[in-house]
N, C-alpha and C. Protein backbone atom coordinates (compact mmCIF):
# COMPACT_ATOMS: atom_id res chain seq x y z
N UNK A 1 125.66 144.30 220.07
CA UNK A 1 125.62 143.43 218.90
C UNK A 1 125.36 144.23 217.62
N UNK A 2 124.56 145.28 217.72
CA UNK A 2 124.24 146.06 216.52
C UNK A 2 125.47 146.79 215.97
N UNK A 3 126.50 146.96 216.78
CA UNK A 3 127.73 147.63 216.33
C UNK A 3 128.81 146.65 215.89
N UNK A 4 128.52 145.37 215.95
CA UNK A 4 129.50 144.34 215.57
C UNK A 4 129.39 144.08 214.07
N UNK A 5 130.29 144.68 213.32
CA UNK A 5 130.21 144.59 211.86
C UNK A 5 130.26 143.17 211.33
N UNK A 6 130.99 142.29 212.03
CA UNK A 6 131.12 140.92 211.52
C UNK A 6 129.77 140.20 211.48
N UNK A 7 128.78 140.67 212.24
CA UNK A 7 127.45 140.04 212.20
C UNK A 7 126.63 140.54 211.02
N UNK A 8 127.13 141.54 210.33
CA UNK A 8 126.39 142.13 209.21
C UNK A 8 126.99 141.77 207.84
N UNK A 9 128.02 140.96 207.82
CA UNK A 9 128.67 140.58 206.57
C UNK A 9 127.79 139.63 205.78
N UNK A 10 127.70 139.90 204.48
CA UNK A 10 126.99 139.01 203.55
C UNK A 10 127.91 138.78 202.35
N UNK A 11 127.47 137.95 201.45
CA UNK A 11 128.25 137.71 200.23
C UNK A 11 128.32 138.96 199.36
N UNK A 12 127.49 139.95 199.64
CA UNK A 12 127.48 141.20 198.90
C UNK A 12 128.38 142.27 199.52
N UNK A 13 129.01 141.97 200.65
CA UNK A 13 129.89 142.94 201.31
C UNK A 13 131.10 143.25 200.44
N UNK A 14 131.64 144.42 200.61
CA UNK A 14 132.79 144.86 199.82
C UNK A 14 134.06 144.13 200.24
N UNK A 15 134.95 143.88 199.29
CA UNK A 15 136.26 143.33 199.63
C UNK A 15 136.95 144.26 200.63
N UNK A 16 137.82 143.69 201.46
CA UNK A 16 138.43 144.51 202.51
C UNK A 16 139.89 144.15 202.75
N UNK A 17 140.68 145.18 202.96
CA UNK A 17 142.04 145.05 203.45
C UNK A 17 141.99 145.51 204.90
N UNK A 18 142.42 144.66 205.82
CA UNK A 18 142.32 144.95 207.24
C UNK A 18 143.69 144.87 207.88
N UNK A 19 144.01 145.86 208.71
CA UNK A 19 145.23 145.76 209.52
C UNK A 19 144.91 146.25 210.92
N UNK A 20 145.64 145.69 211.88
CA UNK A 20 145.38 146.00 213.29
C UNK A 20 146.65 145.72 214.07
N UNK A 21 146.80 146.36 215.21
CA UNK A 21 147.96 146.06 216.06
C UNK A 21 147.51 145.40 217.35
N UNK A 22 148.33 144.46 217.81
CA UNK A 22 148.04 143.75 219.05
C UNK A 22 148.05 144.68 220.25
N UNK A 23 148.83 145.74 220.19
CA UNK A 23 148.95 146.63 221.35
C UNK A 23 147.92 147.76 221.35
N UNK A 24 146.94 147.72 220.44
CA UNK A 24 145.87 148.72 220.44
C UNK A 24 145.12 148.60 221.76
N UNK A 25 145.15 149.65 222.55
CA UNK A 25 144.52 149.63 223.86
C UNK A 25 143.05 150.01 223.85
N UNK A 26 142.50 150.31 222.68
CA UNK A 26 141.10 150.73 222.59
C UNK A 26 140.22 149.65 221.99
N UNK A 27 140.68 149.04 220.90
CA UNK A 27 139.91 148.01 220.21
C UNK A 27 140.76 146.74 220.14
N UNK A 28 140.18 145.63 220.52
CA UNK A 28 140.90 144.35 220.49
C UNK A 28 141.17 143.90 219.06
N UNK A 29 142.35 143.36 218.85
CA UNK A 29 142.70 142.80 217.54
C UNK A 29 141.74 141.68 217.16
N UNK A 30 141.13 141.06 218.15
CA UNK A 30 140.17 139.99 217.87
C UNK A 30 138.99 140.48 217.03
N UNK A 31 138.63 141.76 217.14
CA UNK A 31 137.55 142.29 216.31
C UNK A 31 137.90 142.21 214.83
N UNK A 32 139.14 142.56 214.49
CA UNK A 32 139.57 142.49 213.09
C UNK A 32 139.66 141.05 212.62
N UNK A 33 140.11 140.17 213.49
CA UNK A 33 140.20 138.75 213.14
C UNK A 33 138.80 138.18 212.88
N UNK A 34 137.83 138.55 213.73
CA UNK A 34 136.45 138.09 213.52
C UNK A 34 135.87 138.65 212.23
N UNK A 35 136.21 139.89 211.89
CA UNK A 35 135.72 140.48 210.65
C UNK A 35 136.28 139.74 209.44
N UNK A 36 137.59 139.47 209.46
CA UNK A 36 138.20 138.74 208.35
C UNK A 36 137.59 137.34 208.22
N UNK A 37 137.34 136.70 209.34
CA UNK A 37 136.73 135.37 209.31
C UNK A 37 135.32 135.42 208.73
N UNK A 38 134.54 136.44 209.11
CA UNK A 38 133.18 136.57 208.58
C UNK A 38 133.21 136.84 207.07
N UNK A 39 134.14 137.68 206.63
CA UNK A 39 134.27 137.94 205.20
C UNK A 39 134.62 136.65 204.46
N UNK A 40 135.58 135.92 204.98
CA UNK A 40 135.99 134.65 204.34
C UNK A 40 134.84 133.65 204.30
N UNK A 41 134.11 133.54 205.39
CA UNK A 41 132.98 132.60 205.46
C UNK A 41 131.91 132.93 204.44
N UNK A 42 131.83 134.19 204.03
CA UNK A 42 130.84 134.61 203.04
C UNK A 42 131.42 134.77 201.65
N UNK A 43 132.66 134.30 201.46
CA UNK A 43 133.28 134.33 200.14
C UNK A 43 133.70 135.71 199.68
N UNK A 44 133.91 136.62 200.62
CA UNK A 44 134.29 137.99 200.26
C UNK A 44 135.81 138.12 200.32
N UNK A 45 136.44 138.56 199.23
CA UNK A 45 137.89 138.72 199.23
C UNK A 45 138.36 139.66 200.34
N UNK A 46 139.40 139.24 201.03
CA UNK A 46 139.96 140.08 202.08
C UNK A 46 141.39 139.66 202.37
N UNK A 47 142.09 140.58 203.02
CA UNK A 47 143.45 140.29 203.48
C UNK A 47 143.59 140.98 204.83
N UNK A 48 144.22 140.30 205.78
CA UNK A 48 144.40 140.86 207.12
C UNK A 48 145.87 140.80 207.50
N UNK A 49 146.34 141.87 208.15
CA UNK A 49 147.70 141.93 208.68
C UNK A 49 147.61 142.39 210.13
N UNK A 50 148.31 141.70 210.99
CA UNK A 50 148.38 142.11 212.39
C UNK A 50 149.81 142.48 212.71
N UNK A 51 149.95 143.60 213.40
CA UNK A 51 151.26 144.10 213.79
C UNK A 51 151.35 144.08 215.31
N UNK A 52 152.54 143.85 215.83
CA UNK A 52 152.71 143.77 217.27
C UNK A 52 152.53 145.12 217.96
N UNK A 53 153.22 146.13 217.45
CA UNK A 53 153.25 147.43 218.11
C UNK A 53 152.45 148.47 217.35
N UNK A 54 151.71 149.28 218.09
CA UNK A 54 150.98 150.39 217.48
C UNK A 54 149.75 150.75 218.27
N UNK A 55 149.63 152.01 218.59
CA UNK A 55 148.47 152.48 219.35
C UNK A 55 147.26 152.64 218.44
N UNK A 56 146.11 152.82 219.05
CA UNK A 56 144.87 153.05 218.31
C UNK A 56 144.93 154.40 217.60
N UNK A 57 144.42 154.45 216.40
CA UNK A 57 144.36 155.71 215.65
C UNK A 57 145.70 156.16 215.10
N UNK A 58 146.57 155.23 214.78
CA UNK A 58 147.91 155.55 214.32
C UNK A 58 147.94 156.06 212.88
N UNK A 59 146.82 155.97 212.17
CA UNK A 59 146.75 156.50 210.81
C UNK A 59 147.63 155.74 209.84
N UNK A 60 148.50 156.46 209.15
CA UNK A 60 149.39 155.82 208.18
C UNK A 60 150.50 155.02 208.85
N UNK A 61 150.68 155.20 210.15
CA UNK A 61 151.66 154.41 210.89
C UNK A 61 153.10 154.75 210.61
N UNK A 62 153.35 155.92 210.10
CA UNK A 62 154.71 156.29 209.72
C UNK A 62 155.69 156.31 210.89
N UNK A 63 155.19 156.46 212.12
CA UNK A 63 156.07 156.49 213.29
C UNK A 63 156.48 155.09 213.75
N UNK A 64 155.85 154.06 213.18
CA UNK A 64 156.18 152.68 213.52
C UNK A 64 156.72 151.97 212.28
N UNK A 65 157.92 151.44 212.39
CA UNK A 65 158.59 150.84 211.22
C UNK A 65 157.74 149.75 210.56
N UNK A 66 157.20 148.83 211.34
CA UNK A 66 156.45 147.72 210.73
C UNK A 66 155.08 148.17 210.22
N UNK A 67 154.35 148.95 211.00
CA UNK A 67 153.01 149.38 210.59
C UNK A 67 153.08 150.28 209.37
N UNK A 68 154.12 151.07 209.25
CA UNK A 68 154.25 151.97 208.11
C UNK A 68 154.22 151.26 206.77
N UNK A 69 154.39 149.94 206.78
CA UNK A 69 154.38 149.16 205.54
C UNK A 69 152.97 148.81 205.07
N UNK A 70 151.95 149.13 205.90
CA UNK A 70 150.61 148.68 205.54
C UNK A 70 150.12 149.27 204.22
N UNK A 71 150.53 150.48 203.89
CA UNK A 71 150.07 151.08 202.64
C UNK A 71 150.62 150.34 201.42
N UNK A 72 151.88 149.91 201.50
CA UNK A 72 152.46 149.11 200.41
C UNK A 72 151.79 147.75 200.32
N UNK A 73 151.51 147.15 201.48
CA UNK A 73 150.83 145.85 201.50
C UNK A 73 149.43 145.97 200.89
N UNK A 74 148.74 147.04 201.23
CA UNK A 74 147.39 147.26 200.68
C UNK A 74 147.44 147.47 199.18
N UNK A 75 148.39 148.29 198.72
CA UNK A 75 148.52 148.52 197.29
C UNK A 75 148.80 147.22 196.55
N UNK A 76 149.68 146.40 197.11
CA UNK A 76 149.99 145.11 196.49
C UNK A 76 148.76 144.21 196.42
N UNK A 77 147.99 144.17 197.49
CA UNK A 77 146.77 143.36 197.51
C UNK A 77 145.79 143.87 196.47
N UNK A 78 145.63 145.18 196.40
CA UNK A 78 144.69 145.75 195.43
C UNK A 78 145.13 145.46 194.00
N UNK A 79 146.42 145.55 193.72
CA UNK A 79 146.92 145.25 192.37
C UNK A 79 146.76 143.76 192.06
N UNK A 80 147.15 142.90 193.00
CA UNK A 80 147.06 141.45 192.79
C UNK A 80 145.61 141.00 192.60
N UNK A 81 144.69 141.70 193.25
CA UNK A 81 143.27 141.34 193.19
C UNK A 81 142.55 141.98 192.01
N UNK A 82 143.25 142.85 191.29
CA UNK A 82 142.64 143.50 190.13
C UNK A 82 141.83 144.74 190.47
N UNK A 83 141.96 145.25 191.69
CA UNK A 83 141.22 146.45 192.08
C UNK A 83 141.95 147.73 191.68
N UNK A 84 143.22 147.60 191.32
CA UNK A 84 144.03 148.72 190.84
C UNK A 84 144.68 148.32 189.54
N UNK A 85 144.75 149.23 188.61
CA UNK A 85 145.43 148.94 187.34
C UNK A 85 146.92 149.15 187.48
């Protein structure tokens, strides 16, 4: 429980862009979904994207066509939210 970040979210938590793949064999996508839900419940801005294919630790995801788009999605979210000029 002490390692479950979603239990530590408060209204003071930082905004977050979250992405995860369903095929991650190390960490369940449900962890990211619970984190996004906890952020939302505390009024913390967030955006979550789930991708079907992609192993754990894929980094920028350039080897996967769909995951490779996460950087553009994040930039768009940051611009739309006013976190980037």
